[in-house]
């Protein structure tokens, strides 16, 4: 929120998204509920992004903990994948 309001520091740099997720794997696994399992499908080729890696780590952590909370006391799998998707066009009127 501070970065978006212009009051925080943001360090934009090139980073490999797959490496960030891999480096976070231990903390992600201990952050989820006991009955949830993390399933990783990380791209073999580098997934290079230009971003503030601190913010990206926070987004990943929030998504995983939200998914874990949504599973609740049930058994479930949370899948994390990285890669590229190319869209030729986007037409909002198509289903």
PDB file of N, CA and C in Angstrom:
ATOM      1  N   UNK A   1       0.826  -1.184   0.000  1.00  0.00           N
ATOM      2  CA  UNK A   1       0.000   0.000   0.000  1.00  0.00           C
ATOM      3  C   UNK A   1       0.882   1.263   0.000  1.00  0.00           C
ATOM      4  N   UNK A   2       1.959   1.194   0.757  1.00  0.00           N
ATOM      5  CA  UNK A   2       2.850   2.351   0.789  1.00  0.00           C
ATOM      6  C   UNK A   2       3.449   2.629  -0.578  1.00  0.00           C
ATOM      7  N   UNK A   3       3.825   1.564  -1.298  1.00  0.00           N
ATOM      8  CA  UNK A   3       4.423   1.744  -2.621  1.00  0.00           C
ATOM      9  C   UNK A   3       3.424   2.385  -3.581  1.00  0.00           C
ATOM     10  N   UNK A   4       2.168   1.960  -3.512  1.00  0.00           N
ATOM     11  CA  UNK A   4       1.150   2.504  -4.407  1.00  0.00           C
ATOM     12  C   UNK A   4       0.795   3.946  -4.062  1.00  0.00           C
ATOM     13  N   UNK A   5       0.905   4.319  -2.797  1.00  0.00           N
ATOM     14  CA  UNK A   5       0.589   5.684  -2.399  1.00  0.00           C
ATOM     15  C   UNK A   5       1.780   6.620  -2.623  1.00  0.00           C
ATOM     16  N   UNK A   6       2.917   6.064  -3.011  1.00  0.00           N
ATOM     17  CA  UNK A   6       4.098   6.877  -3.273  1.00  0.00           C
ATOM     18  C   UNK A   6       4.944   7.155  -2.041  1.00  0.00           C
ATOM     19  N   UNK A   7       4.594   6.555  -0.907  1.00  0.00           N
ATOM     20  CA  UNK A   7       5.324   6.798   0.331  1.00  0.00           C
ATOM     21  C   UNK A   7       6.341   5.698   0.657  1.00  0.00           C
ATOM     22  N   UNK A   8       6.325   4.617  -0.089  1.00  0.00           N
ATOM     23  CA  UNK A   8       7.235   3.510   0.180  1.00  0.00           C
ATOM     24  C   UNK A   8       8.305   3.411  -0.889  1.00  0.00           C
ATOM     25  N   UNK A   9       9.356   2.678  -0.571  1.00  0.00           N
ATOM     26  CA  UNK A   9      10.439   2.454  -1.523  1.00  0.00           C
ATOM     27  C   UNK A   9      10.143   1.196  -2.323  1.00  0.00           C
ATOM     28  N   UNK A  10      10.353   1.271  -3.610  1.00  0.00           N
ATOM     29  CA  UNK A  10      10.152   0.126  -4.482  1.00  0.00           C
ATOM     30  C   UNK A  10      11.441  -0.090  -5.259  1.00  0.00           C
ATOM     31  N   UNK A  11      11.923  -1.325  -5.264  1.00  0.00           N
ATOM     32  CA  UNK A  11      13.138  -1.650  -6.010  1.00  0.00           C
ATOM     33  C   UNK A  11      12.750  -2.603  -7.134  1.00  0.00           C
ATOM     34  N   UNK A  12      12.676  -2.066  -8.325  1.00  0.00           N
ATOM     35  CA  UNK A  12      12.290  -2.858  -9.494  1.00  0.00           C
ATOM     36  C   UNK A  12      13.549  -3.454 -10.100  1.00  0.00           C
ATOM     37  N   UNK A  13      13.518  -4.785 -10.302  1.00  0.00           N
ATOM     38  CA  UNK A  13      14.677  -5.476 -10.857  1.00  0.00           C
ATOM     39  C   UNK A  13      14.230  -6.704 -11.636  1.00  0.00           C
ATOM     40  N   UNK A  14      15.120  -7.239 -12.437  1.00  0.00           N
ATOM     41  CA  UNK A  14      14.845  -8.483 -13.143  1.00  0.00           C
ATOM     42  C   UNK A  14      14.995  -9.636 -12.170  1.00  0.00           C
ATOM     43  N   UNK A  15      14.055 -10.574 -12.224  1.00  0.00           N
ATOM     44  CA  UNK A  15      14.100 -11.728 -11.326  1.00  0.00           C
ATOM     45  C   UNK A  15      13.450 -12.918 -12.016  1.00  0.00           C
ATOM     46  N   UNK A  16      13.853 -14.106 -11.593  1.00  0.00           N
ATOM     47  CA  UNK A  16      13.277 -15.349 -12.114  1.00  0.00           C
ATOM     48  C   UNK A  16      12.163 -15.776 -11.159  1.00  0.00           C
ATOM     49  N   UNK A  17      10.925 -15.731 -11.625  1.00  0.00           N
ATOM     50  CA  UNK A  17       9.779 -16.051 -10.783  1.00  0.00           C
ATOM     51  C   UNK A  17       9.853 -17.472 -10.240  1.00  0.00           C
ATOM     52  N   UNK A  18      10.315 -18.409 -11.040  1.00  0.00           N
ATOM     53  CA  UNK A  18      10.432 -19.797 -10.574  1.00  0.00           C
ATOM     54  C   UNK A  18      11.420 -19.908  -9.418  1.00  0.00           C
ATOM     55  N   UNK A  19      12.523 -19.180  -9.499  1.00  0.00           N
ATOM     56  CA  UNK A  19      13.507 -19.200  -8.409  1.00  0.00           C
ATOM     57  C   UNK A  19      12.934 -18.586  -7.138  1.00  0.00           C
ATOM     58  N   UNK A  20      12.162 -17.526  -7.272  1.00  0.00           N
ATOM     59  CA  UNK A  20      11.549 -16.898  -6.095  1.00  0.00           C
ATOM     60  C   UNK A  20      10.638 -17.897  -5.394  1.00  0.00           C
ATOM     61  N   UNK A  21       9.789 -18.580  -6.162  1.00  0.00           N
ATOM     62  CA  UNK A  21       8.878 -19.568  -5.575  1.00  0.00           C
ATOM     63  C   UNK A  21       9.673 -20.701  -4.942  1.00  0.00           C
ATOM     64  N   UNK A  22      10.702 -21.169  -5.624  1.00  0.00           N
ATOM     65  CA  UNK A  22      11.524 -22.260  -5.098  1.00  0.00           C
ATOM     66  C   UNK A  22      12.205 -21.857  -3.791  1.00  0.00           C
ATOM     67  N   UNK A  23      12.722 -20.640  -3.733  1.00  0.00           N
ATOM     68  CA  UNK A  23      13.375 -20.150  -2.512  1.00  0.00           C
ATOM     69  C   UNK A  23      12.381 -20.030  -1.360  1.00  0.00           C
ATOM     70  N   UNK A  24      11.117 -19.790  -1.677  1.00  0.00           N
ATOM     71  CA  UNK A  24      10.082 -19.616  -0.654  1.00  0.00           C
ATOM     72  C   UNK A  24       9.432 -20.927  -0.230  1.00  0.00           C
ATOM     73  N   UNK A  25       9.776 -22.029  -0.869  1.00  0.00           N
ATOM     74  CA  UNK A  25       9.040 -23.282  -0.674  1.00  0.00           C
ATOM     75  C   UNK A  25       8.936 -23.702   0.794  1.00  0.00           C
ATOM     76  N   UNK A  26      10.001 -23.579   1.541  1.00  0.00           N
ATOM     77  CA  UNK A  26       9.948 -24.007   2.945  1.00  0.00           C
ATOM     78  C   UNK A  26       8.970 -23.154   3.753  1.00  0.00           C
ATOM     79  N   UNK A  27       9.069 -21.854   3.612  1.00  0.00           N
ATOM     80  CA  UNK A  27       8.178 -20.975   4.387  1.00  0.00           C
ATOM     81  C   UNK A  27       6.728 -21.141   3.941  1.00  0.00           C
ATOM     82  N   UNK A  28       6.514 -21.412   2.655  1.00  0.00           N
ATOM     83  CA  UNK A  28       5.150 -21.644   2.173  1.00  0.00           C
ATOM     84  C   UNK A  28       4.578 -22.916   2.786  1.00  0.00           C
ATOM     85  N   UNK A  29       5.380 -23.956   2.821  1.00  0.00           N
ATOM     86  CA  UNK A  29       4.907 -25.241   3.335  1.00  0.00           C
ATOM     87  C   UNK A  29       4.588 -25.195   4.818  1.00  0.00           C
ATOM     88  N   UNK A  30       5.328 -24.418   5.591  1.00  0.00           N
ATOM     89  CA  UNK A  30       5.024 -24.327   7.019  1.00  0.00           C
ATOM     90  C   UNK A  30       3.910 -23.322   7.305  1.00  0.00           C
ATOM     91  N   UNK A  31       3.511 -22.551   6.288  1.00  0.00           N
ATOM     92  CA  UNK A  31       2.471 -21.539   6.464  1.00  0.00           C
ATOM     93  C   UNK A  31       1.063 -22.056   6.170  1.00  0.00           C
ATOM     94  N   UNK A  32       0.964 -23.243   5.596  1.00  0.00           N
ATOM     95  CA  UNK A  32      -0.362 -23.757   5.235  1.00  0.00           C
ATOM     96  C   UNK A  32      -0.872 -24.724   6.297  1.00  0.00           C
ATOM     97  N   UNK A  33      -2.150 -25.028   6.220  1.00  0.00           N
ATOM     98  CA  UNK A  33      -2.768 -25.954   7.168  1.00  0.00           C
ATOM     99  C   UNK A  33      -2.217 -27.363   6.983  1.00  0.00           C
ATOM    100  N   UNK A  34      -2.314 -28.149   8.025  1.00  0.00           N
ATOM    101  CA  UNK A  34      -1.725 -29.499   8.029  1.00  0.00           C
ATOM    102  C   UNK A  34      -2.321 -30.410   6.956  1.00  0.00           C
ATOM    103  N   UNK A  35      -3.606 -30.246   6.633  1.00  0.00           N
ATOM    104  CA  UNK A  35      -4.252 -31.136   5.663  1.00  0.00           C
ATOM    105  C   UNK A  35      -4.102 -30.661   4.219  1.00  0.00           C
ATOM    106  N   UNK A  36      -3.444 -29.532   4.020  1.00  0.00           N
ATOM    107  CA  UNK A  36      -3.212 -29.021   2.672  1.00  0.00           C
ATOM    108  C   UNK A  36      -1.823 -29.450   2.192  1.00  0.00           C
ATOM    109  N   UNK A  37      -1.720 -29.668   0.899  1.00  0.00           N
ATOM    110  CA  UNK A  37      -0.457 -30.071   0.283  1.00  0.00           C
ATOM    111  C   UNK A  37      -0.155 -29.087  -0.841  1.00  0.00           C
ATOM    112  N   UNK A  38       1.111 -28.686  -0.939  1.00  0.00           N
ATOM    113  CA  UNK A  38       1.535 -27.818  -2.036  1.00  0.00           C
ATOM    114  C   UNK A  38       2.046 -28.667  -3.190  1.00  0.00           C
ATOM    115  N   UNK A  39       1.594 -28.349  -4.394  1.00  0.00           N
ATOM    116  CA  UNK A  39       2.028 -29.033  -5.603  1.00  0.00           C
ATOM    117  C   UNK A  39       2.706 -27.990  -6.493  1.00  0.00           C
ATOM    118  N   UNK A  40       3.985 -28.199  -6.781  1.00  0.00           N
ATOM    119  CA  UNK A  40       4.760 -27.248  -7.573  1.00  0.00           C
ATOM    120  C   UNK A  40       4.891 -27.738  -9.008  1.00  0.00           C
ATOM    121  N   UNK A  41       4.673 -26.825  -9.956  1.00  0.00           N
ATOM    122  CA  UNK A  41       4.947 -27.090 -11.367  1.00  0.00           C
ATOM    123  C   UNK A  41       5.649 -25.835 -11.903  1.00  0.00           C
ATOM    124  N   UNK A  42       6.948 -25.804 -11.651  1.00  0.00           N
ATOM    125  CA  UNK A  42       7.741 -24.632 -12.014  1.00  0.00           C
ATOM    126  C   UNK A  42       8.370 -24.829 -13.386  1.00  0.00           C
ATOM    127  N   UNK A  43       8.340 -23.786 -14.183  1.00  0.00           N
ATOM    128  CA  UNK A  43       8.906 -23.840 -15.527  1.00  0.00           C
ATOM    129  C   UNK A  43      10.389 -24.172 -15.465  1.00  0.00           C
ATOM    130  N   UNK A  44      10.831 -25.007 -16.390  1.00  0.00           N
ATOM    131  CA  UNK A  44      12.256 -25.350 -16.453  1.00  0.00           C
ATOM    132  C   UNK A  44      13.079 -24.177 -16.969  1.00  0.00           C
ATOM    133  N   UNK A  45      12.531 -23.461 -17.948  1.00  0.00           N
ATOM    134  CA  UNK A  45      13.207 -22.276 -18.466  1.00  0.00           C
ATOM    135  C   UNK A  45      12.947 -21.106 -17.520  1.00  0.00           C
ATOM    136  N   UNK A  46      13.880 -20.171 -17.446  1.00  0.00           N
ATOM    137  CA  UNK A  46      13.683 -19.014 -16.565  1.00  0.00           C
ATOM    138  C   UNK A  46      12.418 -18.237 -16.927  1.00  0.00           C
ATOM    139  N   UNK A  47      11.693 -17.820 -15.910  1.00  0.00           N
ATOM    140  CA  UNK A  47      10.514 -16.969 -16.083  1.00  0.00           C
ATOM    141  C   UNK A  47      10.914 -15.601 -15.536  1.00  0.00           C
ATOM    142  N   UNK A  48      11.458 -14.787 -16.422  1.00  0.00           N
ATOM    143  CA  UNK A  48      12.029 -13.506 -16.020  1.00  0.00           C
ATOM    144  C   UNK A  48      10.931 -12.445 -15.966  1.00  0.00           C
ATOM    145  N   UNK A  49      10.875 -11.779 -14.821  1.00  0.00           N
ATOM    146  CA  UNK A  49       9.928 -10.688 -14.632  1.00  0.00           C
ATOM    147  C   UNK A  49      10.691  -9.456 -14.181  1.00  0.00           C
ATOM    148  N   UNK A  50      10.079  -8.314 -14.355  1.00  0.00           N
ATOM    149  CA  UNK A  50      10.651  -7.075 -13.841  1.00  0.00           C
ATOM    150  C   UNK A  50       9.695  -6.589 -12.766  1.00  0.00           C
ATOM    151  N   UNK A  51      10.139  -6.665 -11.508  1.00  0.00           N
ATOM    152  CA  UNK A  51       9.249  -6.349 -10.399  1.00  0.00           C
ATOM    153  C   UNK A  51      10.045  -6.108  -9.135  1.00  0.00           C
ATOM    154  N   UNK A  52       9.341  -5.655  -8.116  1.00  0.00           N
ATOM    155  CA  UNK A  52       9.904  -5.543  -6.772  1.00  0.00           C
ATOM    156  C   UNK A  52       9.763  -6.934  -6.152  1.00  0.00           C
ATOM    157  N   UNK A  53      10.868  -7.630  -5.956  1.00  0.00           N
ATOM    158  CA  UNK A  53      10.805  -9.016  -5.479  1.00  0.00           C
ATOM    159  C   UNK A  53      10.200  -9.128  -4.086  1.00  0.00           C
ATOM    160  N   UNK A  54      10.355  -8.111  -3.270  1.00  0.00           N
ATOM    161  CA  UNK A  54       9.732  -8.133  -1.946  1.00  0.00           C
ATOM    162  C   UNK A  54       8.212  -8.150  -2.085  1.00  0.00           C
ATOM    163  N   UNK A  55       7.694  -7.342  -2.978  1.00  0.00           N
ATOM    164  CA  UNK A  55       6.253  -7.315  -3.206  1.00  0.00           C
ATOM    165  C   UNK A  55       5.764  -8.625  -3.827  1.00  0.00           C
ATOM    166  N   UNK A  56       6.538  -9.186  -4.748  1.00  0.00           N
ATOM    167  CA  UNK A  56       6.157 -10.461  -5.375  1.00  0.00           C
ATOM    168  C   UNK A  56       6.106 -11.555  -4.322  1.00  0.00           C
ATOM    169  N   UNK A  57       7.083 -11.604  -3.435  1.00  0.00           N
ATOM    170  CA  UNK A  57       7.072 -12.597  -2.351  1.00  0.00           C
ATOM    171  C   UNK A  57       5.828 -12.442  -1.475  1.00  0.00           C
ATOM    172  N   UNK A  58       5.458 -11.204  -1.186  1.00  0.00           N
ATOM    173  CA  UNK A  58       4.278 -10.948  -0.360  1.00  0.00           C
ATOM    174  C   UNK A  58       3.004 -11.404  -1.075  1.00  0.00           C
ATOM    175  N   UNK A  59       2.915 -11.155  -2.369  1.00  0.00           N
ATOM    176  CA  UNK A  59       1.750 -11.591  -3.149  1.00  0.00           C
ATOM    177  C   UNK A  59       1.649 -13.113  -3.143  1.00  0.00           C
ATOM    178  N   UNK A  60       2.770 -13.788  -3.368  1.00  0.00           N
ATOM    179  CA  UNK A  60       2.775 -15.258  -3.366  1.00  0.00           C
ATOM    180  C   UNK A  60       2.347 -15.782  -2.000  1.00  0.00           C
ATOM    181  N   UNK A  61       2.901 -15.230  -0.943  1.00  0.00           N
ATOM    182  CA  UNK A  61       2.545 -15.664   0.407  1.00  0.00           C
ATOM    183  C   UNK A  61       1.055 -15.458   0.674  1.00  0.00           C
ATOM    184  N   UNK A  62       0.527 -14.301   0.283  1.00  0.00           N
ATOM    185  CA  UNK A  62      -0.894 -14.021   0.495  1.00  0.00           C
ATOM    186  C   UNK A  62      -1.783 -14.983  -0.286  1.00  0.00           C
ATOM    187  N   UNK A  63      -1.432 -15.264  -1.532  1.00  0.00           N
ATOM    188  CA  UNK A  63      -2.229 -16.189  -2.336  1.00  0.00           C
ATOM    189  C   UNK A  63      -2.247 -17.589  -1.725  1.00  0.00           C
ATOM    190  N   UNK A  64      -1.096 -18.044  -1.254  1.00  0.00           N
ATOM    191  CA  UNK A  64      -1.006 -19.391  -0.682  1.00  0.00           C
ATOM    192  C   UNK A  64      -1.745 -19.471   0.646  1.00  0.00           C
ATOM    193  N   UNK A  65      -1.578 -18.480   1.503  1.00  0.00           N
ATOM    194  CA  UNK A  65      -2.284 -18.525   2.786  1.00  0.00           C
ATOM    195  C   UNK A  65      -3.788 -18.369   2.590  1.00  0.00           C
ATOM    196  N   UNK A  66      -4.211 -17.574   1.621  1.00  0.00           N
ATOM    197  CA  UNK A  66      -5.646 -17.461   1.318  1.00  0.00           C
ATOM    198  C   UNK A  66      -6.201 -18.785   0.809  1.00  0.00           C
ATOM    199  N   UNK A  67      -5.438 -19.463  -0.044  1.00  0.00           N
ATOM    200  CA  UNK A  67      -5.877 -20.766  -0.545  1.00  0.00           C
ATOM    201  C   UNK A  67      -5.974 -21.776   0.591  1.00  0.00           C
ATOM    202  N   UNK A  68      -4.999 -21.753   1.482  1.00  0.00           N
ATOM    203  CA  UNK A  68      -5.011 -22.653   2.633  1.00  0.00           C
ATOM    204  C   UNK A  68      -6.215 -22.377   3.531  1.00  0.00           C
ATOM    205  N   UNK A  69      -6.506 -21.113   3.775  1.00  0.00           N
ATOM    206  CA  UNK A  69      -7.664 -20.743   4.590  1.00  0.00           C
ATOM    207  C   UNK A  69      -8.967 -21.186   3.919  1.00  0.00           C
ATOM    208  N   UNK A  70      -9.017 -21.093   2.595  1.00  0.00           N
ATOM    209  CA  UNK A  70     -10.225 -21.494   1.868  1.00  0.00           C
ATOM    210  C   UNK A  70     -10.462 -22.998   1.965  1.00  0.00           C
ATOM    211  N   UNK A  71      -9.397 -23.762   2.051  1.00  0.00           N
ATOM    212  CA  UNK A  71      -9.528 -25.210   2.201  1.00  0.00           C
ATOM    213  C   UNK A  71     -10.106 -25.544   3.575  1.00  0.00           C
ATOM    214  N   UNK A  72      -9.737 -24.745   4.554  1.00  0.00           N
ATOM    215  CA  UNK A  72     -10.255 -24.946   5.909  1.00  0.00           C
ATOM    216  C   UNK A  72      -9.744 -26.242   6.510  1.00  0.00           C
ATOM    217  N   UNK A  73     -10.633 -26.996   7.133  1.00  0.00           N
ATOM    218  CA  UNK A  73     -10.257 -28.253   7.777  1.00  0.00           C
ATOM    219  C   UNK A  73     -10.310 -29.443   6.831  1.00  0.00           C
ATOM    220  N   UNK A  74     -10.685 -29.212   5.592  1.00  0.00           N
ATOM    221  CA  UNK A  74     -10.744 -30.300   4.607  1.00  0.00           C
ATOM    222  C   UNK A  74      -9.336 -30.620   4.111  1.00  0.00           C
ATOM    223  N   UNK A  75      -9.225 -31.718   3.388  1.00  0.00           N
ATOM    224  CA  UNK A  75      -7.977 -32.080   2.725  1.00  0.00           C
ATOM    225  C   UNK A  75      -7.985 -31.428   1.348  1.00  0.00           C
ATOM    226  N   UNK A  76      -6.852 -30.862   0.941  1.00  0.00           N
ATOM    227  CA  UNK A  76      -6.809 -30.213  -0.361  1.00  0.00           C
ATOM    228  C   UNK A  76      -5.410 -30.026  -0.879  1.00  0.00           C
ATOM    229  N   UNK A  77      -5.336 -29.682  -2.157  1.00  0.00           N
ATOM    230  CA  UNK A  77      -4.066 -29.456  -2.834  1.00  0.00           C
ATOM    231  C   UNK A  77      -4.041 -28.015  -3.341  1.00  0.00           C
ATOM    232  N   UNK A  78      -2.948 -27.345  -3.071  1.00  0.00           N
ATOM    233  CA  UNK A  78      -2.724 -25.998  -3.588  1.00  0.00           C
ATOM    234  C   UNK A  78      -1.623 -26.119  -4.638  1.00  0.00           C
ATOM    235  N   UNK A  79      -1.940 -25.758  -5.866  1.00  0.00           N
ATOM    236  CA  UNK A  79      -0.976 -25.878  -6.964  1.00  0.00           C
ATOM    237  C   UNK A  79      -0.360 -24.525  -7.276  1.00  0.00           C
ATOM    238  N   UNK A  80       0.948 -24.533  -7.423  1.00  0.00           N
ATOM    239  CA  UNK A  80       1.703 -23.335  -7.797  1.00  0.00           C
ATOM    240  C   UNK A  80       2.437 -23.661  -9.088  1.00  0.00           C
ATOM    241  N   UNK A  81       2.188 -22.870 -10.122  1.00  0.00           N
ATOM    242  CA  UNK A  81       2.901 -23.100 -11.371  1.00  0.00           C
ATOM    243  C   UNK A  81       3.408 -21.782 -11.923  1.00  0.00           C
ATOM    244  N   UNK A  82       4.515 -21.870 -12.639  1.00  0.00           N
ATOM    245  CA  UNK A  82       5.079 -20.705 -13.310  1.00  0.00           C
ATOM    246  C   UNK A  82       5.252 -21.047 -14.780  1.00  0.00           C
ATOM    247  N   UNK A  83       5.285 -20.032 -15.603  1.00  0.00           N
ATOM    248  CA  UNK A  83       5.471 -20.241 -17.033  1.00  0.00           C
ATOM    249  C   UNK A  83       4.952 -19.045 -17.800  1.00  0.00           C
ATOM    250  N   UNK A  84       4.907 -19.203 -19.097  1.00  0.00           N
ATOM    251  CA  UNK A  84       4.438 -18.144 -19.979  1.00  0.00           C
ATOM    252  C   UNK A  84       3.188 -18.604 -20.698  1.00  0.00           C
ATOM    253  N   UNK A  85       2.281 -17.678 -20.883  1.00  0.00           N
ATOM    254  CA  UNK A  85       1.085 -17.925 -21.680  1.00  0.00           C
ATOM    255  C   UNK A  85       1.003 -16.795 -22.688  1.00  0.00           C
ATOM    256  N   UNK A  86       0.801 -17.145 -23.938  1.00  0.00           N
ATOM    257  CA  UNK A  86       0.690 -16.121 -24.963  1.00  0.00           C
ATOM    258  C   UNK A  86      -0.725 -16.131 -25.520  1.00  0.00           C
ATOM    259  N   UNK A  87      -1.331 -14.964 -25.529  1.00  0.00           N
ATOM    260  CA  UNK A  87      -2.660 -14.805 -26.087  1.00  0.00           C
ATOM    261  C   UNK A  87      -2.542 -14.031 -27.379  1.00  0.00           C
ATOM    262  N   UNK A  88      -3.171 -14.542 -28.428  1.00  0.00           N
ATOM    263  CA  UNK A  88      -3.128 -13.847 -29.715  1.00  0.00           C
ATOM    264  C   UNK A  88      -4.037 -12.629 -29.710  1.00  0.00           C
ATOM    265  N   UNK A  89      -5.182 -12.763 -29.053  1.00  0.00           N
ATOM    266  CA  UNK A  89      -6.097 -11.628 -28.964  1.00  0.00           C
ATOM    267  C   UNK A  89      -7.047 -11.840 -27.806  1.00  0.00           C
ATOM    268  N   UNK A  90      -7.655 -10.772 -27.383  1.00  0.00           N
ATOM    269  CA  UNK A  90      -8.634 -10.847 -26.304  1.00  0.00           C
ATOM    270  C   UNK A  90      -9.899 -10.180 -26.788  1.00  0.00           C
ATOM    271  N   UNK A  91     -10.971 -10.945 -26.731  1.00  0.00           N
ATOM    272  CA  UNK A  91     -12.268 -10.413 -27.141  1.00  0.00           C
ATOM    273  C   UNK A  91     -13.257 -10.655 -26.016  1.00  0.00           C
ATOM    274  N   UNK A  92     -13.589  -9.626 -25.250  1.00  0.00           N
ATOM    275  CA  UNK A  92     -14.468  -9.809 -24.086  1.00  0.00           C
ATOM    276  C   UNK A  92     -15.845 -10.336 -24.429  1.00  0.00           C
ATOM    277  N   UNK A  93     -16.298 -10.183 -25.672  1.00  0.00           N
ATOM    278  CA  UNK A  93     -17.638 -10.642 -26.038  1.00  0.00           C
ATOM    279  C   UNK A  93     -17.689 -12.147 -26.317  1.00  0.00           C
ATOM    280  N   UNK A  94     -16.526 -12.806 -26.396  1.00  0.00           N
ATOM    281  CA  UNK A  94     -16.490 -14.260 -26.633  1.00  0.00           C
ATOM    282  C   UNK A  94     -16.497 -14.997 -25.312  1.00  0.00           C
ATOM    283  N   UNK A  95     -17.144 -16.146 -25.280  1.00  0.00           N
ATOM    284  CA  UNK A  95     -17.175 -16.969 -24.068  1.00  0.00           C
ATOM    285  C   UNK A  95     -16.128 -18.026 -24.114  1.00  0.00           C
TER     286      UNK A  95
END
